Amino acid sequence: MKNILLFILVIILAFAGYYWYSSGNKKSSENEAKLEPFALKKHSEAFNGAVSAAMNAYFDMADAFVEADTAKVKEHNRRFIQLLDSIPMDELKNDTAHIYDMALNSLTGIKSNAESVLNMTDIQEMRKDFSMVSENLYPFFRVINYEGEIMYWQNCPMAFDDDKEANWISRTKEVFNPYLGKKHPKYRATMLHCGMVKDTIKAQ
């Protein structure tokens, strides 16, 4: 008789334990389901507009490289530098994880190389500085949590001396190569579309 009662008690305890475990897991799952993802920090319209304006000048500079027009390159480059200075970078100080410091570091590299373009007369040297402007722009957009129109990170595998690659940012998926362009001394316009899309830059 004692064995039977003991057996029944064990069964009751087992069911009670299972019910407690199941109820606990269910409540935990319900609580987890109620958690909402963190909202992405949004920039002001002034910040996004200033970045967009600067990039339009950058794209015009890239187009001038395609045409091998050094005067236009410098004209758009000057506007690009001026518009970079109009970006309200102090807005990023309200963010976390040293976003402001990282973005400012990238911006310093962008401006330094852009200013170097103005001191060059040889278009190939100007293109090398343009490639460095681009290399600093790419991480800049990652750091600031870019919110504008989609852009394309493109690559030319033979930008310099047929074996040195270079990257740039384009507003179109179709490649218009600013390093080889339409008037290359060796290839003329045959390599205008040489290159590939390596990545997209878009709002997250």
N, C-alpha and C. Protein backbone atom coordinates (compact mmCIF):
# COMPACT_ATOMS: atom_id res chain seq x y z
N MET A 1 0.83 -1.19 0.00
CA MET A 1 0.00 0.00 0.00
C MET A 1 0.88 1.27 0.00
N LYS A 2 1.92 1.25 0.85
CA LYS A 2 2.83 2.38 0.91
C LYS A 2 3.52 2.61 -0.43
N ASN A 3 3.86 1.51 -1.09
CA ASN A 3 4.52 1.63 -2.41
C ASN A 3 3.60 2.29 -3.41
N ILE A 4 2.31 1.94 -3.36
CA ILE A 4 1.34 2.52 -4.30
C ILE A 4 1.18 4.01 -4.04
N LEU A 5 1.06 4.38 -2.74
CA LEU A 5 0.93 5.80 -2.40
C LEU A 5 2.17 6.60 -2.82
N LEU A 6 3.34 6.00 -2.62
CA LEU A 6 4.59 6.65 -3.00
C LEU A 6 4.65 6.87 -4.50
N PHE A 7 4.20 5.86 -5.24
CA PHE A 7 4.18 5.93 -6.70
C PHE A 7 3.26 7.06 -7.17
N ILE A 8 2.06 7.13 -6.54
CA ILE A 8 1.10 8.17 -6.90
C ILE A 8 1.67 9.55 -6.61
N LEU A 9 2.35 9.67 -5.45
CA LEU A 9 2.95 10.95 -5.07
C LEU A 9 4.02 11.39 -6.08
N VAL A 10 4.82 10.43 -6.51
CA VAL A 10 5.86 10.73 -7.52
C VAL A 10 5.23 11.22 -8.81
N ILE A 11 4.14 10.56 -9.22
CA ILE A 11 3.45 10.96 -10.46
C ILE A 11 2.92 12.38 -10.34
N ILE A 12 2.30 12.69 -9.16
CA ILE A 12 1.74 14.03 -8.95
C ILE A 12 2.83 15.09 -9.00
N LEU A 13 3.96 14.81 -8.35
CA LEU A 13 5.07 15.75 -8.34
C LEU A 13 5.65 15.96 -9.74
N ALA A 14 5.69 14.88 -10.50
CA ALA A 14 6.21 14.96 -11.87
C ALA A 14 5.35 15.86 -12.73
N PHE A 15 4.01 15.68 -12.63
CA PHE A 15 3.09 16.52 -13.39
C PHE A 15 3.16 17.97 -12.96
N ALA A 16 3.28 18.17 -11.63
CA ALA A 16 3.37 19.54 -11.11
C ALA A 16 4.64 20.23 -11.62
N GLY A 17 5.75 19.49 -11.64
CA GLY A 17 7.00 20.06 -12.14
C GLY A 17 6.93 20.40 -13.61
N TYR A 18 6.32 19.53 -14.39
CA TYR A 18 6.18 19.76 -15.83
C TYR A 18 5.33 21.01 -16.09
N TYR A 19 4.21 21.13 -15.32
CA TYR A 19 3.32 22.28 -15.49
C TYR A 19 4.04 23.58 -15.15
N TRP A 20 4.81 23.56 -14.06
CA TRP A 20 5.56 24.76 -13.66
C TRP A 20 6.60 25.15 -14.72
N TYR A 21 7.32 24.16 -15.25
CA TYR A 21 8.35 24.39 -16.27
C TYR A 21 7.74 24.96 -17.55
N SER A 22 6.61 24.34 -17.98
CA SER A 22 5.95 24.78 -19.22
C SER A 22 5.42 26.19 -19.08
N SER A 23 4.81 26.51 -17.92
CA SER A 23 4.25 27.84 -17.70
C SER A 23 5.36 28.89 -17.68
N GLY A 24 6.48 28.56 -17.06
CA GLY A 24 7.60 29.49 -16.98
C GLY A 24 8.16 29.79 -18.35
N ASN A 25 8.32 28.76 -19.19
CA ASN A 25 8.85 28.96 -20.54
C ASN A 25 7.90 29.79 -21.38
N LYS A 26 6.60 29.55 -21.21
CA LYS A 26 5.60 30.27 -22.00
C LYS A 26 5.63 31.75 -21.67
N LYS A 27 5.72 32.07 -20.34
CA LYS A 27 5.78 33.47 -19.93
C LYS A 27 7.04 34.13 -20.44
N SER A 28 8.16 33.38 -20.41
CA SER A 28 9.42 33.92 -20.90
C SER A 28 9.34 34.23 -22.38
N SER A 29 8.72 33.33 -23.16
CA SER A 29 8.59 33.53 -24.60
C SER A 29 7.70 34.73 -24.89
N GLU A 30 6.61 34.87 -24.09
CA GLU A 30 5.70 35.99 -24.30
C GLU A 30 6.40 37.32 -24.01
N ASN A 31 7.23 37.33 -22.97
CA ASN A 31 7.97 38.55 -22.63
C ASN A 31 8.98 38.90 -23.71
N GLU A 32 9.66 37.86 -24.26
CA GLU A 32 10.63 38.10 -25.32
C GLU A 32 9.95 38.63 -26.57
N ALA A 33 8.73 38.12 -26.86
CA ALA A 33 8.01 38.55 -28.05
C ALA A 33 7.61 40.02 -27.96
N LYS A 34 7.44 40.53 -26.73
CA LYS A 34 7.02 41.90 -26.55
C LYS A 34 8.19 42.88 -26.74
N LEU A 35 9.44 42.39 -26.66
CA LEU A 35 10.59 43.26 -26.83
C LEU A 35 10.67 43.75 -28.27
N GLU A 36 10.81 45.05 -28.46
CA GLU A 36 10.91 45.61 -29.79
C GLU A 36 12.36 45.93 -30.11
N PRO A 37 12.75 45.82 -31.38
CA PRO A 37 14.14 46.13 -31.74
C PRO A 37 14.44 47.60 -31.47
N PHE A 38 15.71 47.88 -31.20
CA PHE A 38 16.12 49.26 -30.98
C PHE A 38 15.90 50.08 -32.26
N ALA A 39 15.36 51.25 -32.10
CA ALA A 39 15.14 52.13 -33.25
C ALA A 39 16.47 52.72 -33.69
N LEU A 40 16.69 52.77 -35.02
CA LEU A 40 17.92 53.38 -35.53
C LEU A 40 17.88 54.88 -35.30
N LYS A 41 19.01 55.46 -34.98
CA LYS A 41 19.08 56.90 -34.79
C LYS A 41 18.88 57.59 -36.13
N LYS A 42 18.06 58.62 -36.15
CA LYS A 42 17.78 59.34 -37.38
C LYS A 42 18.50 60.68 -37.39
N HIS A 43 19.00 61.04 -38.56
CA HIS A 43 19.65 62.33 -38.71
C HIS A 43 18.61 63.39 -39.05
N SER A 44 18.98 64.63 -38.87
CA SER A 44 18.10 65.73 -39.24
C SER A 44 18.06 65.85 -40.77
N GLU A 45 17.05 66.56 -41.27
CA GLU A 45 16.96 66.81 -42.71
C GLU A 45 18.16 67.64 -43.17
N ALA A 46 18.61 68.53 -42.30
CA ALA A 46 19.76 69.36 -42.66
C ALA A 46 21.01 68.51 -42.86
N PHE A 47 21.21 67.52 -41.98
CA PHE A 47 22.38 66.65 -42.09
C PHE A 47 22.30 65.83 -43.38
N ASN A 48 21.18 65.17 -43.60
CA ASN A 48 21.03 64.33 -44.79
C ASN A 48 21.12 65.16 -46.06
N GLY A 49 20.55 66.36 -46.04
CA GLY A 49 20.61 67.23 -47.22
C GLY A 49 22.02 67.68 -47.52
N ALA A 50 22.80 67.98 -46.49
CA ALA A 50 24.18 68.42 -46.68
C ALA A 50 25.04 67.29 -47.25
N VAL A 51 24.85 66.07 -46.74
CA VAL A 51 25.59 64.91 -47.25
C VAL A 51 25.23 64.67 -48.72
N SER A 52 23.95 64.76 -49.04
CA SER A 52 23.48 64.54 -50.41
C SER A 52 24.07 65.59 -51.36
N ALA A 53 24.10 66.84 -50.93
CA ALA A 53 24.64 67.91 -51.77
C ALA A 53 26.13 67.69 -52.03
N ALA A 54 26.87 67.30 -51.00
CA ALA A 54 28.30 67.04 -51.17
C ALA A 54 28.53 65.88 -52.14
N MET A 55 27.70 64.85 -52.03
CA MET A 55 27.87 63.70 -52.93
C MET A 55 27.53 64.05 -54.37
N ASN A 56 26.59 64.95 -54.58
CA ASN A 56 26.28 65.38 -55.95
C ASN A 56 27.50 66.05 -56.58
N ALA A 57 28.24 66.82 -55.77
CA ALA A 57 29.47 67.44 -56.27
C ALA A 57 30.52 66.37 -56.56
N TYR A 58 30.60 65.36 -55.69
CA TYR A 58 31.53 64.24 -55.91
C TYR A 58 31.19 63.51 -57.22
N PHE A 59 29.90 63.26 -57.46
CA PHE A 59 29.50 62.56 -58.69
C PHE A 59 29.82 63.41 -59.91
N ASP A 60 29.64 64.72 -59.81
CA ASP A 60 30.00 65.60 -60.93
C ASP A 60 31.50 65.55 -61.18
N MET A 61 32.28 65.46 -60.11
CA MET A 61 33.74 65.35 -60.26
C MET A 61 34.09 64.04 -60.96
N ALA A 62 33.43 62.95 -60.56
CA ALA A 62 33.68 61.65 -61.21
C ALA A 62 33.34 61.71 -62.70
N ASP A 63 32.23 62.39 -63.04
CA ASP A 63 31.84 62.54 -64.44
C ASP A 63 32.89 63.33 -65.22
N ALA A 64 33.47 64.33 -64.56
CA ALA A 64 34.51 65.13 -65.21
C ALA A 64 35.76 64.29 -65.46
N PHE A 65 36.05 63.36 -64.54
CA PHE A 65 37.17 62.44 -64.77
C PHE A 65 36.88 61.53 -65.97
N VAL A 66 35.64 61.10 -66.11
CA VAL A 66 35.25 60.27 -67.26
C VAL A 66 35.55 61.03 -68.56
N GLU A 67 35.27 62.33 -68.54
CA GLU A 67 35.49 63.16 -69.73
C GLU A 67 36.94 63.66 -69.84
N ALA A 68 37.76 63.36 -68.82
CA ALA A 68 39.16 63.81 -68.78
C ALA A 68 39.25 65.33 -68.84
N ASP A 69 38.31 66.01 -68.18
CA ASP A 69 38.25 67.46 -68.17
C ASP A 69 38.79 67.95 -66.82
N THR A 70 40.09 68.27 -66.78
CA THR A 70 40.72 68.62 -65.50
C THR A 70 40.17 69.92 -64.91
N ALA A 71 39.78 70.87 -65.77
CA ALA A 71 39.21 72.13 -65.27
C ALA A 71 37.90 71.87 -64.55
N LYS A 72 37.06 71.03 -65.13
CA LYS A 72 35.78 70.67 -64.50
C LYS A 72 36.00 69.85 -63.23
N VAL A 73 37.01 68.98 -63.26
CA VAL A 73 37.34 68.20 -62.07
C VAL A 73 37.60 69.13 -60.90
N LYS A 74 38.44 70.14 -61.13
CA LYS A 74 38.80 71.06 -60.05
C LYS A 74 37.62 71.93 -59.62
N GLU A 75 36.81 72.31 -60.58
CA GLU A 75 35.63 73.12 -60.27
C GLU A 75 34.68 72.37 -59.33
N HIS A 76 34.38 71.11 -59.70
CA HIS A 76 33.46 70.32 -58.87
C HIS A 76 34.12 69.91 -57.56
N ASN A 77 35.43 69.74 -57.59
CA ASN A 77 36.15 69.37 -56.37
C ASN A 77 36.11 70.51 -55.34
N ARG A 78 36.27 71.74 -55.82
CA ARG A 78 36.18 72.89 -54.91
C ARG A 78 34.79 72.95 -54.26
N ARG A 79 33.76 72.72 -55.06
CA ARG A 79 32.40 72.72 -54.53
C ARG A 79 32.21 71.58 -53.55
N PHE A 80 32.79 70.44 -53.85
CA PHE A 80 32.72 69.28 -52.96
C PHE A 80 33.30 69.61 -51.59
N ILE A 81 34.48 70.23 -51.58
CA ILE A 81 35.14 70.59 -50.32
C ILE A 81 34.28 71.58 -49.52
N GLN A 82 33.74 72.58 -50.22
CA GLN A 82 32.90 73.57 -49.55
C GLN A 82 31.67 72.92 -48.92
N LEU A 83 31.07 71.99 -49.65
CA LEU A 83 29.85 71.34 -49.16
C LEU A 83 30.15 70.37 -48.02
N LEU A 84 31.34 69.78 -48.02
CA LEU A 84 31.74 68.95 -46.88
C LEU A 84 31.75 69.78 -45.59
N ASP A 85 32.20 71.02 -45.71
CA ASP A 85 32.28 71.90 -44.54
C ASP A 85 30.90 72.30 -44.04
N SER A 86 29.88 72.12 -44.88
CA SER A 86 28.53 72.51 -44.47
C SER A 86 27.77 71.39 -43.76
N ILE A 87 28.36 70.19 -43.71
CA ILE A 87 27.70 69.07 -43.01
C ILE A 87 27.74 69.34 -41.50
N PRO A 88 26.59 69.36 -40.84
CA PRO A 88 26.56 69.65 -39.39
C PRO A 88 27.06 68.45 -38.57
N MET A 89 28.36 68.27 -38.55
CA MET A 89 28.96 67.11 -37.90
C MET A 89 28.69 67.06 -36.39
N ASP A 90 28.49 68.22 -35.77
CA ASP A 90 28.25 68.25 -34.32
C ASP A 90 27.03 67.43 -33.94
N GLU A 91 26.14 67.23 -34.89
CA GLU A 91 24.94 66.42 -34.64
C GLU A 91 25.31 65.00 -34.20
N LEU A 92 26.45 64.51 -34.68
CA LEU A 92 26.87 63.15 -34.37
C LEU A 92 27.39 63.01 -32.94
N LYS A 93 27.62 64.13 -32.27
CA LYS A 93 28.09 64.05 -30.89
C LYS A 93 27.04 63.46 -29.96
N ASN A 94 25.78 63.49 -30.41
CA ASN A 94 24.70 62.94 -29.60
C ASN A 94 24.61 61.42 -29.73
N ASP A 95 25.39 60.84 -30.63
CA ASP A 95 25.37 59.41 -30.84
C ASP A 95 26.30 58.72 -29.85
N THR A 96 26.43 57.41 -30.00
CA THR A 96 27.24 56.63 -29.06
C THR A 96 28.46 56.04 -29.75
N ALA A 97 29.29 55.38 -28.95
CA ALA A 97 30.43 54.59 -29.45
C ALA A 97 31.41 55.40 -30.29
N HIS A 98 31.65 56.65 -29.90
CA HIS A 98 32.65 57.48 -30.57
C HIS A 98 32.36 57.67 -32.06
N ILE A 99 31.08 57.68 -32.42
CA ILE A 99 30.69 57.86 -33.82
C ILE A 99 31.25 59.17 -34.37
N TYR A 100 31.14 60.23 -33.58
CA TYR A 100 31.61 61.55 -34.02
C TYR A 100 33.10 61.51 -34.34
N ASP A 101 33.90 60.92 -33.46
CA ASP A 101 35.36 60.88 -33.65
C ASP A 101 35.73 60.09 -34.90
N MET A 102 35.06 58.94 -35.10
CA MET A 102 35.37 58.11 -36.27
C MET A 102 34.97 58.82 -37.56
N ALA A 103 33.78 59.44 -37.55
CA ALA A 103 33.31 60.13 -38.74
C ALA A 103 34.20 61.33 -39.07
N LEU A 104 34.61 62.04 -38.03
CA LEU A 104 35.48 63.20 -38.23
C LEU A 104 36.84 62.79 -38.79
N ASN A 105 37.34 61.65 -38.35
CA ASN A 105 38.61 61.13 -38.86
C ASN A 105 38.51 60.82 -40.36
N SER A 106 37.41 60.17 -40.75
CA SER A 106 37.19 59.88 -42.17
C SER A 106 37.05 61.17 -42.97
N LEU A 107 36.32 62.13 -42.43
CA LEU A 107 36.10 63.39 -43.13
C LEU A 107 37.41 64.16 -43.33
N THR A 108 38.29 64.08 -42.35
CA THR A 108 39.60 64.72 -42.46
C THR A 108 40.40 64.12 -43.62
N GLY A 109 40.35 62.79 -43.74
CA GLY A 109 41.04 62.13 -44.85
C GLY A 109 40.43 62.48 -46.20
N ILE A 110 39.11 62.59 -46.24
CA ILE A 110 38.42 62.96 -47.48
C ILE A 110 38.87 64.35 -47.94
N LYS A 111 38.83 65.31 -47.03
CA LYS A 111 39.17 66.69 -47.37
C LYS A 111 40.65 66.84 -47.73
N SER A 112 41.52 66.15 -47.01
CA SER A 112 42.95 66.24 -47.28
C SER A 112 43.27 65.80 -48.71
N ASN A 113 42.69 64.69 -49.12
CA ASN A 113 42.95 64.18 -50.48
C ASN A 113 42.24 65.00 -51.54
N ALA A 114 41.07 65.53 -51.21
CA ALA A 114 40.35 66.39 -52.15
C ALA A 114 41.14 67.68 -52.39
N GLU A 115 41.71 68.23 -51.34
CA GLU A 115 42.52 69.44 -51.48
C GLU A 115 43.78 69.18 -52.31
N SER A 116 44.30 67.95 -52.22
CA SER A 116 45.48 67.59 -53.00
C SER A 116 45.19 67.60 -54.50
N VAL A 117 43.95 67.25 -54.86
CA VAL A 117 43.54 67.27 -56.27
C VAL A 117 43.76 68.66 -56.87
N LEU A 118 43.48 69.68 -56.07
CA LEU A 118 43.59 71.07 -56.56
C LEU A 118 45.02 71.47 -56.89
N ASN A 119 45.98 70.77 -56.29
CA ASN A 119 47.40 71.11 -56.50
C ASN A 119 48.04 70.32 -57.63
N MET A 120 47.29 69.42 -58.24
CA MET A 120 47.83 68.56 -59.29
C MET A 120 47.50 69.12 -60.68
N THR A 121 48.38 68.83 -61.63
CA THR A 121 48.12 69.20 -63.02
C THR A 121 47.97 67.97 -63.91
N ASP A 122 48.61 66.88 -63.50
CA ASP A 122 48.53 65.63 -64.27
C ASP A 122 47.27 64.87 -63.88
N ILE A 123 46.47 64.49 -64.87
CA ILE A 123 45.18 63.88 -64.57
C ILE A 123 45.31 62.53 -63.86
N GLN A 124 46.38 61.80 -64.15
CA GLN A 124 46.56 60.51 -63.47
C GLN A 124 46.84 60.71 -61.98
N GLU A 125 47.61 61.73 -61.66
CA GLU A 125 47.87 62.04 -60.25
C GLU A 125 46.59 62.52 -59.56
N MET A 126 45.80 63.27 -60.29
CA MET A 126 44.51 63.72 -59.76
C MET A 126 43.60 62.54 -59.50
N ARG A 127 43.63 61.57 -60.39
CA ARG A 127 42.79 60.37 -60.22
C ARG A 127 43.24 59.55 -59.00
N LYS A 128 44.54 59.55 -58.73
CA LYS A 128 45.03 58.82 -57.56
C LYS A 128 44.50 59.46 -56.27
N ASP A 129 44.49 60.80 -56.25
CA ASP A 129 43.93 61.49 -55.08
C ASP A 129 42.42 61.24 -54.99
N PHE A 130 41.76 61.21 -56.14
CA PHE A 130 40.32 60.93 -56.16
C PHE A 130 40.04 59.54 -55.59
N SER A 131 40.91 58.59 -55.89
CA SER A 131 40.72 57.23 -55.36
C SER A 131 40.84 57.23 -53.85
N MET A 132 41.72 58.06 -53.30
CA MET A 132 41.87 58.15 -51.85
C MET A 132 40.69 58.88 -51.21
N VAL A 133 40.15 59.87 -51.90
CA VAL A 133 38.92 60.51 -51.44
C VAL A 133 37.83 59.44 -51.29
N SER A 134 37.73 58.59 -52.31
CA SER A 134 36.71 57.54 -52.31
C SER A 134 36.94 56.52 -51.20
N GLU A 135 38.19 56.16 -50.97
CA GLU A 135 38.51 55.18 -49.93
C GLU A 135 38.13 55.69 -48.53
N ASN A 136 38.18 56.98 -48.36
CA ASN A 136 37.77 57.56 -47.08
C ASN A 136 36.26 57.78 -47.00
N LEU A 137 35.63 58.00 -48.13
CA LEU A 137 34.18 58.18 -48.15
C LEU A 137 33.44 56.90 -47.77
N TYR A 138 33.93 55.78 -48.26
CA TYR A 138 33.23 54.51 -48.04
C TYR A 138 33.03 54.20 -46.56
N PRO A 139 34.06 54.23 -45.71
CA PRO A 139 33.82 53.98 -44.28
C PRO A 139 33.03 55.11 -43.61
N PHE A 140 33.11 56.32 -44.14
CA PHE A 140 32.36 57.44 -43.59
C PHE A 140 30.86 57.12 -43.59
N PHE A 141 30.38 56.57 -44.68
CA PHE A 141 28.95 56.24 -44.77
C PHE A 141 28.56 55.11 -43.83
N ARG A 142 29.47 54.17 -43.60
CA ARG A 142 29.21 53.10 -42.65
C ARG A 142 29.11 53.63 -41.23
N VAL A 143 29.96 54.59 -40.92
CA VAL A 143 30.01 55.12 -39.56
C VAL A 143 28.78 55.97 -39.24
N ILE A 144 28.36 56.81 -40.18
CA ILE A 144 27.28 57.76 -39.87
C ILE A 144 25.89 57.16 -40.01
N ASN A 145 25.78 55.89 -40.39
CA ASN A 145 24.47 55.27 -40.62
C ASN A 145 23.72 56.06 -41.71
N TYR A 146 24.25 55.97 -42.91
CA TYR A 146 23.76 56.70 -44.08
C TYR A 146 22.26 56.49 -44.30
N GLU A 147 21.56 57.58 -44.64
CA GLU A 147 20.11 57.51 -44.81
C GLU A 147 19.61 58.02 -46.17
N GLY A 148 20.52 58.22 -47.12
CA GLY A 148 20.11 58.78 -48.40
C GLY A 148 19.78 57.74 -49.46
N GLU A 149 19.83 58.18 -50.71
CA GLU A 149 19.55 57.31 -51.84
C GLU A 149 20.64 56.25 -51.99
N ILE A 150 20.27 55.11 -52.57
CA ILE A 150 21.23 54.02 -52.74
C ILE A 150 22.37 54.45 -53.66
N MET A 151 23.58 54.04 -53.29
CA MET A 151 24.78 54.31 -54.10
C MET A 151 25.54 53.00 -54.26
N TYR A 152 26.51 53.00 -55.17
CA TYR A 152 27.21 51.76 -55.51
C TYR A 152 28.73 51.93 -55.36
N TRP A 153 29.33 51.02 -54.63
CA TRP A 153 30.78 51.00 -54.43
C TRP A 153 31.35 50.14 -55.55
N GLN A 154 32.07 50.79 -56.48
CA GLN A 154 32.52 50.12 -57.69
C GLN A 154 34.04 50.02 -57.75
N ASN A 155 34.50 49.08 -58.56
CA ASN A 155 35.93 48.78 -58.61
C ASN A 155 36.41 48.64 -60.05
N CYS A 156 37.58 49.22 -60.31
CA CYS A 156 38.28 49.02 -61.57
C CYS A 156 39.55 48.25 -61.27
N PRO A 157 39.74 47.05 -61.84
CA PRO A 157 40.91 46.24 -61.52
C PRO A 157 42.20 46.71 -62.19
N MET A 158 42.08 47.65 -63.12
CA MET A 158 43.26 48.08 -63.87
C MET A 158 43.30 49.60 -64.00
N ALA A 159 42.98 50.27 -62.91
CA ALA A 159 42.88 51.73 -62.93
C ALA A 159 44.20 52.42 -63.24
N PHE A 160 45.29 51.88 -62.69
CA PHE A 160 46.60 52.51 -62.87
C PHE A 160 47.62 51.48 -63.35
N ASP A 161 48.27 51.78 -64.45
CA ASP A 161 49.32 50.91 -65.01
C ASP A 161 48.82 49.50 -65.32
N ASP A 162 47.55 49.37 -65.61
CA ASP A 162 46.93 48.10 -66.02
C ASP A 162 46.85 47.04 -64.93
N ASP A 163 47.49 47.27 -63.78
CA ASP A 163 47.49 46.20 -62.76
C ASP A 163 47.20 46.70 -61.34
N LYS A 164 46.90 47.99 -61.21
CA LYS A 164 46.58 48.54 -59.89
C LYS A 164 45.11 48.94 -59.86
N GLU A 165 44.39 48.37 -58.92
CA GLU A 165 42.96 48.62 -58.85
C GLU A 165 42.65 49.91 -58.10
N ALA A 166 41.43 50.39 -58.27
CA ALA A 166 40.95 51.56 -57.54
C ALA A 166 39.42 51.49 -57.47
N ASN A 167 38.88 52.09 -56.42
CA ASN A 167 37.44 52.07 -56.19
C ASN A 167 36.86 53.48 -56.28
N TRP A 168 35.56 53.56 -56.43
CA TRP A 168 34.86 54.84 -56.39
C TRP A 168 33.38 54.58 -56.07
N ILE A 169 32.66 55.64 -55.78
CA ILE A 169 31.23 55.54 -55.49
C ILE A 169 30.47 56.10 -56.67
N SER A 170 29.42 55.39 -57.07
CA SER A 170 28.62 55.80 -58.22
C SER A 170 27.14 55.92 -57.82
N ARG A 171 26.44 56.81 -58.50
CA ARG A 171 25.00 56.92 -58.25
C ARG A 171 24.21 55.94 -59.11
N THR A 172 24.89 55.30 -60.07
CA THR A 172 24.22 54.33 -60.95
C THR A 172 24.91 52.97 -60.86
N LYS A 173 24.12 51.95 -61.08
CA LYS A 173 24.69 50.60 -61.08
C LYS A 173 25.58 50.39 -62.30
N GLU A 174 25.22 51.01 -63.40
CA GLU A 174 26.04 50.90 -64.61
C GLU A 174 27.38 51.60 -64.38
N VAL A 175 28.45 50.98 -64.85
CA VAL A 175 29.80 51.48 -64.62
C VAL A 175 30.18 52.54 -65.66
N PHE A 176 30.59 53.70 -65.15
CA PHE A 176 31.22 54.73 -65.98
C PHE A 176 32.55 55.03 -65.30
N ASN A 177 33.60 54.44 -65.81
CA ASN A 177 34.88 54.39 -65.13
C ASN A 177 35.61 55.74 -65.13
N PRO A 178 35.79 56.36 -63.94
CA PRO A 178 36.48 57.66 -63.89
C PRO A 178 38.00 57.55 -64.02
N TYR A 179 38.53 56.33 -63.93
CA TYR A 179 39.98 56.15 -63.99
C TYR A 179 40.46 55.88 -65.42
N LEU A 180 39.62 55.28 -66.23
CA LEU A 180 39.98 55.01 -67.63
C LEU A 180 39.23 55.96 -68.57
N GLY A 181 37.96 56.20 -68.29
CA GLY A 181 37.19 57.21 -68.99
C GLY A 181 37.03 57.04 -70.48
N LYS A 182 36.73 58.15 -71.14
CA LYS A 182 36.47 58.14 -72.58
C LYS A 182 37.70 58.48 -73.41
N LYS A 183 38.73 59.02 -72.78
CA LYS A 183 39.87 59.53 -73.56
C LYS A 183 41.19 59.00 -73.05
N HIS A 184 41.20 57.75 -72.67
CA HIS A 184 42.43 57.14 -72.17
C HIS A 184 43.46 57.10 -73.31
N PRO A 185 44.73 57.45 -73.03
CA PRO A 185 45.74 57.49 -74.11
C PRO A 185 45.97 56.15 -74.79
N LYS A 186 45.69 55.05 -74.08
CA LYS A 186 45.93 53.72 -74.66
C LYS A 186 44.63 53.07 -75.14
N TYR A 187 43.58 53.15 -74.32
CA TYR A 187 42.35 52.41 -74.61
C TYR A 187 41.25 53.27 -75.22
N ARG A 188 41.46 54.59 -75.23
CA ARG A 188 40.40 55.50 -75.67
C ARG A 188 39.14 55.26 -74.84
N ALA A 189 38.00 55.05 -75.49
CA ALA A 189 36.75 54.87 -74.75
C ALA A 189 36.35 53.40 -74.59
N THR A 190 37.23 52.50 -75.03
CA THR A 190 36.85 51.08 -75.02
C THR A 190 36.72 50.49 -73.61
N MET A 191 37.32 51.15 -72.60
CA MET A 191 37.27 50.64 -71.24
C MET A 191 36.37 51.47 -70.33
N LEU A 192 35.51 52.27 -70.96
CA LEU A 192 34.62 53.15 -70.19
C LEU A 192 33.78 52.37 -69.18
N HIS A 193 33.34 51.19 -69.56
CA HIS A 193 32.45 50.41 -68.69
C HIS A 193 33.20 49.27 -67.98
N CYS A 194 34.51 49.38 -67.94
CA CYS A 194 35.31 48.37 -67.25
C CYS A 194 35.15 48.54 -65.74
N GLY A 195 34.75 47.48 -65.07
CA GLY A 195 34.60 47.55 -63.63
C GLY A 195 33.44 46.71 -63.14
N MET A 196 33.22 46.73 -61.83
CA MET A 196 32.16 45.93 -61.24
C MET A 196 31.67 46.58 -59.95
N VAL A 197 30.44 46.24 -59.57
CA VAL A 197 29.87 46.70 -58.31
C VAL A 197 30.34 45.76 -57.21
N LYS A 198 31.01 46.30 -56.21
CA LYS A 198 31.50 45.50 -55.09
C LYS A 198 30.53 45.52 -53.90
N ASP A 199 29.79 46.61 -53.77
CA ASP A 199 28.91 46.73 -52.61
C ASP A 199 27.89 47.82 -52.88
N THR A 200 26.83 47.84 -52.10
CA THR A 200 25.85 48.92 -52.18
C THR A 200 25.91 49.72 -50.87
N ILE A 201 25.67 51.00 -50.99
CA ILE A 201 25.61 51.88 -49.82
C ILE A 201 24.18 52.37 -49.74
N LYS A 202 23.47 51.95 -48.72
CA LYS A 202 22.04 52.30 -48.63
C LYS A 202 21.64 52.41 -47.16
N ALA A 203 20.49 53.06 -46.98
CA ALA A 203 19.96 53.23 -45.64
C ALA A 203 19.64 51.87 -45.04
N GLN A 204 19.98 51.69 -43.76
CA GLN A 204 19.75 50.41 -43.08
C GLN A 204 18.37 50.39 -42.43
